[in-house]
Amino acid sequence: MSGATLTTASTLTCPHGGTVAIVSSNARASVNGAYAALATDTFTISGCPFQLPTTPPVPSPCVTVQWIVPDVQTTVNSTPTLSESSVGLCLAATQAPQGPVSITAGQAKAQSR
């Protein structure tokens, strides 16, 4: 599959509405002035309101994204890039999976596979 390449300017959210910030180690390949996102970059989530449905509810916010299906044909320095067709899983601090990351806005100039 292919799709628009994700960059540090792309908009990603957790399934509960938390905002994903991308801190890229890529200082080489950019698209429209933003660096291409790599599968090994740091993806931190803030503002996730998720709570475990216990009595009383226990906060269990999404805090990071782990990419399980990156691009397979496009790399930067031998590291896979990410695109709108990539699959990422949002994780709690306990590393419990909490659902897929949502990609709501990317860029339209470059495609990757």
C-alpha atoms as a PDB file:
ATOM      1  CA  MET A   1       0.000   0.000   0.000  1.00  0.00           C
ATOM      2  CA  SER A   2       1.040   3.578  -0.415  1.00  0.00           C
ATOM      3  CA  GLY A   3      -0.084   6.936   0.835  1.00  0.00           C
ATOM      4  CA  ALA A   4       1.013  10.459   1.588  1.00  0.00           C
ATOM      5  CA  THR A   5       4.260  10.509   3.552  1.00  0.00           C
ATOM      6  CA  LEU A   6       3.839  11.488   7.204  1.00  0.00           C
ATOM      7  CA  THR A   7       5.974  14.388   8.389  1.00  0.00           C
ATOM      8  CA  THR A   8       6.614  16.219  11.635  1.00  0.00           C
ATOM      9  CA  ALA A   9       3.757  18.526  10.558  1.00  0.00           C
ATOM     10  CA  SER A  10       1.202  15.709  10.170  1.00  0.00           C
ATOM     11  CA  THR A  11      -1.838  15.587  12.476  1.00  0.00           C
ATOM     12  CA  LEU A  12      -2.261  12.361  14.429  1.00  0.00           C
ATOM     13  CA  THR A  13      -4.521  11.538  17.394  1.00  0.00           C
ATOM     14  CA  CYS A  14      -5.166   8.620  19.711  1.00  0.00           C
ATOM     15  CA  PRO A  15      -8.606   6.923  19.587  1.00  0.00           C
ATOM     16  CA  HIS A  16      -9.716   9.061  22.553  1.00  0.00           C
ATOM     17  CA  GLY A  17      -8.734  12.436  21.082  1.00  0.00           C
ATOM     18  CA  GLY A  18      -5.238  12.871  22.545  1.00  0.00           C
ATOM     19  CA  THR A  19      -2.724  14.765  20.402  1.00  0.00           C
ATOM     20  CA  VAL A  20       0.359  13.003  19.019  1.00  0.00           C
ATOM     21  CA  ALA A  21       3.621  14.971  18.860  1.00  0.00           C
ATOM     22  CA  ILE A  22       6.355  13.702  16.538  1.00  0.00           C
ATOM     23  CA  VAL A  23      10.000  14.163  17.520  1.00  0.00           C
ATOM     24  CA  SER A  24      12.015  13.059  14.511  1.00  0.00           C
ATOM     25  CA  SER A  25      15.616  11.937  14.383  1.00  0.00           C
ATOM     26  CA  ASN A  26      15.525  12.604  10.625  1.00  0.00           C
ATOM     27  CA  ALA A  27      17.464  15.684   9.634  1.00  0.00           C
ATOM     28  CA  ARG A  28      17.944  14.623   6.053  1.00  0.00           C
ATOM     29  CA  ALA A  29      14.677  14.207   4.116  1.00  0.00           C
ATOM     30  CA  SER A  30      11.982  16.862   4.256  1.00  0.00           C
ATOM     31  CA  VAL A  31       8.679  17.491   2.506  1.00  0.00           C
ATOM     32  CA  ASN A  32       7.288  21.042   2.375  1.00  0.00           C
ATOM     33  CA  GLY A  33       9.787  22.090   5.073  1.00  0.00           C
ATOM     34  CA  ALA A  34       8.852  19.324   7.549  1.00  0.00           C
ATOM     35  CA  TYR A  35      10.971  16.229   8.136  1.00  0.00           C
ATOM     36  CA  ALA A  36       9.645  12.846   7.003  1.00  0.00           C
ATOM     37  CA  ALA A  37       8.473  10.755   9.972  1.00  0.00           C
ATOM     38  CA  LEU A  38      10.393   7.526  10.575  1.00  0.00           C
ATOM     39  CA  ALA A  39       9.208   4.341  12.267  1.00  0.00           C
ATOM     40  CA  THR A  40      11.931   4.785  14.909  1.00  0.00           C
ATOM     41  CA  ASP A  41      10.979   8.374  15.821  1.00  0.00           C
ATOM     42  CA  THR A  42       9.441   9.314  19.165  1.00  0.00           C
ATOM     43  CA  PHE A  43       5.658   9.735  19.138  1.00  0.00           C
ATOM     44  CA  THR A  44       4.289  11.099  22.422  1.00  0.00           C
ATOM     45  CA  ILE A  45       0.606  11.570  23.210  1.00  0.00           C
ATOM     46  CA  SER A  46      -0.815  14.291  25.432  1.00  0.00           C
ATOM     47  CA  GLY A  47      -4.351  15.097  26.482  1.00  0.00           C
ATOM     48  CA  CYS A  48      -5.767  11.556  26.302  1.00  0.00           C
ATOM     49  CA  PRO A  49      -8.750  11.353  28.704  1.00  0.00           C
ATOM     50  CA  PHE A  50      -9.124   7.541  28.695  1.00  0.00           C
ATOM     51  CA  GLN A  51      -9.967   5.832  31.986  1.00  0.00           C
ATOM     52  CA  LEU A  52     -10.360   2.153  32.780  1.00  0.00           C
ATOM     53  CA  PRO A  53     -14.023   1.400  33.543  1.00  0.00           C
ATOM     54  CA  THR A  54     -13.494   0.300  37.142  1.00  0.00           C
ATOM     55  CA  THR A  55     -15.008   1.581  40.361  1.00  0.00           C
ATOM     56  CA  PRO A  56     -13.641   4.165  40.815  1.00  0.00           C
ATOM     57  CA  PRO A  57     -12.369   4.816  37.273  1.00  0.00           C
ATOM     58  CA  VAL A  58      -8.587   4.575  36.896  1.00  0.00           C
ATOM     59  CA  PRO A  59      -6.817   6.955  34.483  1.00  0.00           C
ATOM     60  CA  SER A  60      -5.045   5.050  31.701  1.00  0.00           C
ATOM     61  CA  PRO A  61      -4.161   7.624  29.043  1.00  0.00           C
ATOM     62  CA  CYS A  62      -2.436   6.811  25.781  1.00  0.00           C
ATOM     63  CA  VAL A  63       1.173   8.043  26.045  1.00  0.00           C
ATOM     64  CA  THR A  64       3.045   6.746  22.983  1.00  0.00           C
ATOM     65  CA  VAL A  65       2.639   5.180  19.533  1.00  0.00           C
ATOM     66  CA  GLN A  66       4.284   1.950  18.385  1.00  0.00           C
ATOM     67  CA  TRP A  67       4.297   1.458  14.618  1.00  0.00           C
ATOM     68  CA  ILE A  68       3.516  -2.118  13.587  1.00  0.00           C
ATOM     69  CA  VAL A  69       3.228  -1.600   9.810  1.00  0.00           C
ATOM     70  CA  PRO A  70       5.651   1.055   8.486  1.00  0.00           C
ATOM     71  CA  ASP A  71       6.419   1.681   4.825  1.00  0.00           C
ATOM     72  CA  VAL A  72       8.352  -1.239   3.351  1.00  0.00           C
ATOM     73  CA  GLN A  73       9.838   0.302   0.212  1.00  0.00           C
ATOM     74  CA  THR A  74      10.670   3.852   1.293  1.00  0.00           C
ATOM     75  CA  THR A  75      13.483   4.530   3.771  1.00  0.00           C
ATOM     76  CA  VAL A  76      15.678   7.337   5.053  1.00  0.00           C
ATOM     77  CA  ASN A  77      19.145   6.132   6.105  1.00  0.00           C
ATOM     78  CA  SER A  78      17.826   2.533   5.966  1.00  0.00           C
ATOM     79  CA  THR A  79      14.967   3.347   8.391  1.00  0.00           C
ATOM     80  CA  PRO A  80      11.374   2.862   7.148  1.00  0.00           C
ATOM     81  CA  THR A  81       9.299   6.004   6.679  1.00  0.00           C
ATOM     82  CA  LEU A  82       5.623   6.279   7.592  1.00  0.00           C
ATOM     83  CA  SER A  83       2.643   7.097   5.406  1.00  0.00           C
ATOM     84  CA  GLU A  84      -1.122   7.424   5.716  1.00  0.00           C
ATOM     85  CA  SER A  85      -1.360   3.662   5.071  1.00  0.00           C
ATOM     86  CA  SER A  86       0.991   2.794   7.981  1.00  0.00           C
ATOM     87  CA  VAL A  87      -0.506   1.198  11.098  1.00  0.00           C
ATOM     88  CA  GLY A  88       0.363   2.418  14.585  1.00  0.00           C
ATOM     89  CA  LEU A  89      -0.899   1.294  17.966  1.00  0.00           C
ATOM     90  CA  CYS A  90      -1.422   3.725  20.852  1.00  0.00           C
ATOM     91  CA  LEU A  91      -0.063   2.435  24.154  1.00  0.00           C
ATOM     92  CA  ALA A  92      -0.665   3.304  27.808  1.00  0.00           C
ATOM     93  CA  ALA A  93       2.253   3.826  30.197  1.00  0.00           C
ATOM     94  CA  THR A  94       1.895   0.129  31.111  1.00  0.00           C
ATOM     95  CA  GLN A  95       2.431  -0.701  27.394  1.00  0.00           C
ATOM     96  CA  ALA A  96      -1.183  -1.938  27.167  1.00  0.00           C
ATOM     97  CA  PRO A  97      -2.547  -1.410  23.622  1.00  0.00           C
ATOM     98  CA  GLN A  98      -5.417   1.093  23.562  1.00  0.00           C
ATOM     99  CA  GLY A  99      -6.320   1.274  19.866  1.00  0.00           C
ATOM    100  CA  PRO A 100      -5.007   2.464  16.507  1.00  0.00           C
ATOM    101  CA  VAL A 101      -3.567   5.917  15.910  1.00  0.00           C
ATOM    102  CA  SER A 102      -5.738   8.152  13.717  1.00  0.00           C
ATOM    103  CA  ILE A 103      -4.077  10.060  10.899  1.00  0.00           C
ATOM    104  CA  THR A 104      -6.288  13.038  10.123  1.00  0.00           C
ATOM    105  CA  ALA A 105      -3.992  15.285   8.116  1.00  0.00           C
ATOM    106  CA  GLY A 106      -0.872  14.642   6.139  1.00  0.00           C
ATOM    107  CA  GLN A 107       0.708  16.384   3.203  1.00  0.00           C
ATOM    108  CA  ALA A 108      -0.180  15.741  -0.411  1.00  0.00           C
ATOM    109  CA  LYS A 109       3.149  16.364  -2.151  1.00  0.00           C
ATOM    110  CA  ALA A 110       5.122  13.143  -1.539  1.00  0.00           C
ATOM    111  CA  GLN A 111       3.983   9.531  -1.543  1.00  0.00           C
ATOM    112  CA  SER A 112       5.736   6.571   0.079  1.00  0.00           C
ATOM    113  CA  ARG A 113       5.246   2.809   0.140  1.00  0.00           C
END
